[in-house]
Amino acid sequence: MSVAPAGAETAAAERLDRRIRLAAVLVVLGLMFEALSFVSLHPVAFFAFLAPGALLVVVGIAIYLWSIASVRT
């Protein structure tokens, strides 16, 4: 157990909330790109699925995992 001022704990919690919110936004944007790519059956739709969609989802997951792993207790 660390001895830190109450303000430091609040700031750390707010920073964690912002990072998790950013990760959630990135994952949702990636899923929206992927859902829109299913509308078209054109071969370019696969690249729309892969390039921005999967990349945004992977980055969102990475930010989420990094943010919960780097929390100092």
C-alpha atoms as a PDB file:
ATOM      1  CA  MET A   1       0.000   0.000   0.000  1.00  0.00           C
ATOM      2  CA  SER A   2       1.438   3.338  -1.022  1.00  0.00           C
ATOM      3  CA  VAL A   3       1.085   6.565   0.829  1.00  0.00           C
ATOM      4  CA  ALA A   4      -0.031   9.153  -1.695  1.00  0.00           C
ATOM      5  CA  PRO A   5      -2.177  12.235  -1.455  1.00  0.00           C
ATOM      6  CA  ALA A   6      -5.846  11.805  -2.323  1.00  0.00           C
ATOM      7  CA  GLY A   7      -5.420  14.121  -5.296  1.00  0.00           C
ATOM      8  CA  ALA A   8      -2.822  11.822  -6.832  1.00  0.00           C
ATOM      9  CA  GLU A   9      -5.189   8.845  -6.655  1.00  0.00           C
ATOM     10  CA  THR A  10      -7.960  10.872  -8.252  1.00  0.00           C
ATOM     11  CA  ALA A  11      -5.664  12.060 -11.041  1.00  0.00           C
ATOM     12  CA  ALA A  12      -4.491   8.519 -11.704  1.00  0.00           C
ATOM     13  CA  ALA A  13      -8.084   7.263 -11.839  1.00  0.00           C
ATOM     14  CA  GLU A  14      -9.056  10.048 -14.243  1.00  0.00           C
ATOM     15  CA  ARG A  15      -6.052   9.265 -16.449  1.00  0.00           C
ATOM     16  CA  LEU A  16      -7.017   5.579 -16.489  1.00  0.00           C
ATOM     17  CA  ASP A  17     -10.615   6.488 -17.353  1.00  0.00           C
ATOM     18  CA  ARG A  18      -9.459   8.664 -20.258  1.00  0.00           C
ATOM     19  CA  ARG A  19      -7.231   5.905 -21.630  1.00  0.00           C
ATOM     20  CA  ILE A  20      -9.968   3.292 -21.376  1.00  0.00           C
ATOM     21  CA  ARG A  21     -12.455   5.677 -22.997  1.00  0.00           C
ATOM     22  CA  LEU A  22      -9.997   6.297 -25.856  1.00  0.00           C
ATOM     23  CA  ALA A  23      -9.516   2.549 -26.293  1.00  0.00           C
ATOM     24  CA  ALA A  24     -13.286   2.029 -26.392  1.00  0.00           C
ATOM     25  CA  VAL A  25     -13.736   4.753 -29.013  1.00  0.00           C
ATOM     26  CA  LEU A  26     -11.024   3.230 -31.200  1.00  0.00           C
ATOM     27  CA  VAL A  27     -12.541  -0.257 -30.963  1.00  0.00           C
ATOM     28  CA  VAL A  28     -16.030   1.052 -31.777  1.00  0.00           C
ATOM     29  CA  LEU A  29     -14.701   3.022 -34.760  1.00  0.00           C
ATOM     30  CA  GLY A  30     -12.882  -0.064 -35.993  1.00  0.00           C
ATOM     31  CA  LEU A  31     -16.021  -2.176 -35.661  1.00  0.00           C
ATOM     32  CA  MET A  32     -18.009   0.455 -37.545  1.00  0.00           C
ATOM     33  CA  PHE A  33     -15.485   0.347 -40.403  1.00  0.00           C
ATOM     34  CA  GLU A  34     -15.706  -3.418 -40.439  1.00  0.00           C
ATOM     35  CA  ALA A  35     -19.510  -3.391 -40.416  1.00  0.00           C
ATOM     36  CA  LEU A  36     -19.591  -0.915 -43.294  1.00  0.00           C
ATOM     37  CA  SER A  37     -17.197  -3.087 -45.274  1.00  0.00           C
ATOM     38  CA  PHE A  38     -19.708  -5.957 -45.171  1.00  0.00           C
ATOM     39  CA  VAL A  39     -22.262  -3.870 -47.074  1.00  0.00           C
ATOM     40  CA  SER A  40     -20.263  -4.035 -50.276  1.00  0.00           C
ATOM     41  CA  LEU A  41     -19.190  -7.276 -51.925  1.00  0.00           C
ATOM     42  CA  HIS A  42     -16.446  -5.580 -53.908  1.00  0.00           C
ATOM     43  CA  PRO A  43     -12.879  -6.883 -53.405  1.00  0.00           C
ATOM     44  CA  VAL A  44     -11.796  -3.464 -52.185  1.00  0.00           C
ATOM     45  CA  ALA A  45     -14.149  -3.966 -49.228  1.00  0.00           C
ATOM     46  CA  PHE A  46     -11.679  -6.477 -47.829  1.00  0.00           C
ATOM     47  CA  PHE A  47      -9.001  -3.798 -47.714  1.00  0.00           C
ATOM     48  CA  ALA A  48     -11.452  -1.420 -46.062  1.00  0.00           C
ATOM     49  CA  PHE A  49     -12.062  -4.163 -43.517  1.00  0.00           C
ATOM     50  CA  LEU A  50      -8.405  -4.921 -42.995  1.00  0.00           C
ATOM     51  CA  ALA A  51      -6.650  -1.573 -43.190  1.00  0.00           C
ATOM     52  CA  PRO A  52      -8.556   0.888 -40.998  1.00  0.00           C
ATOM     53  CA  GLY A  53     -11.003  -1.487 -39.332  1.00  0.00           C
ATOM     54  CA  ALA A  54      -8.708  -4.168 -37.987  1.00  0.00           C
ATOM     55  CA  LEU A  55      -5.961  -1.660 -37.284  1.00  0.00           C
ATOM     56  CA  LEU A  56      -8.249   0.497 -35.132  1.00  0.00           C
ATOM     57  CA  VAL A  57      -9.491  -2.541 -33.225  1.00  0.00           C
ATOM     58  CA  VAL A  58      -5.961  -3.806 -32.575  1.00  0.00           C
ATOM     59  CA  VAL A  59      -4.743  -0.370 -31.469  1.00  0.00           C
ATOM     60  CA  GLY A  60      -7.764   0.029 -29.185  1.00  0.00           C
ATOM     61  CA  ILE A  61      -7.157  -3.358 -27.585  1.00  0.00           C
ATOM     62  CA  ALA A  62      -3.450  -2.578 -27.168  1.00  0.00           C
ATOM     63  CA  ILE A  63      -4.191   0.771 -25.486  1.00  0.00           C
ATOM     64  CA  TYR A  64      -6.716  -0.899 -23.189  1.00  0.00           C
ATOM     65  CA  LEU A  65      -4.327  -3.647 -22.145  1.00  0.00           C
ATOM     66  CA  TRP A  66      -1.425  -1.229 -21.711  1.00  0.00           C
ATOM     67  CA  SER A  67      -3.517   1.124 -19.595  1.00  0.00           C
ATOM     68  CA  ILE A  68      -4.736  -1.544 -17.177  1.00  0.00           C
ATOM     69  CA  ALA A  69      -1.288  -3.155 -16.972  1.00  0.00           C
ATOM     70  CA  SER A  70       0.477   0.117 -16.202  1.00  0.00           C
ATOM     71  CA  VAL A  71      -1.740   1.147 -13.277  1.00  0.00           C
ATOM     72  CA  ARG A  72       0.304   1.680 -10.170  1.00  0.00           C
ATOM     73  CA  THR A  73      -1.359   0.584  -6.960  1.00  0.00           C
END
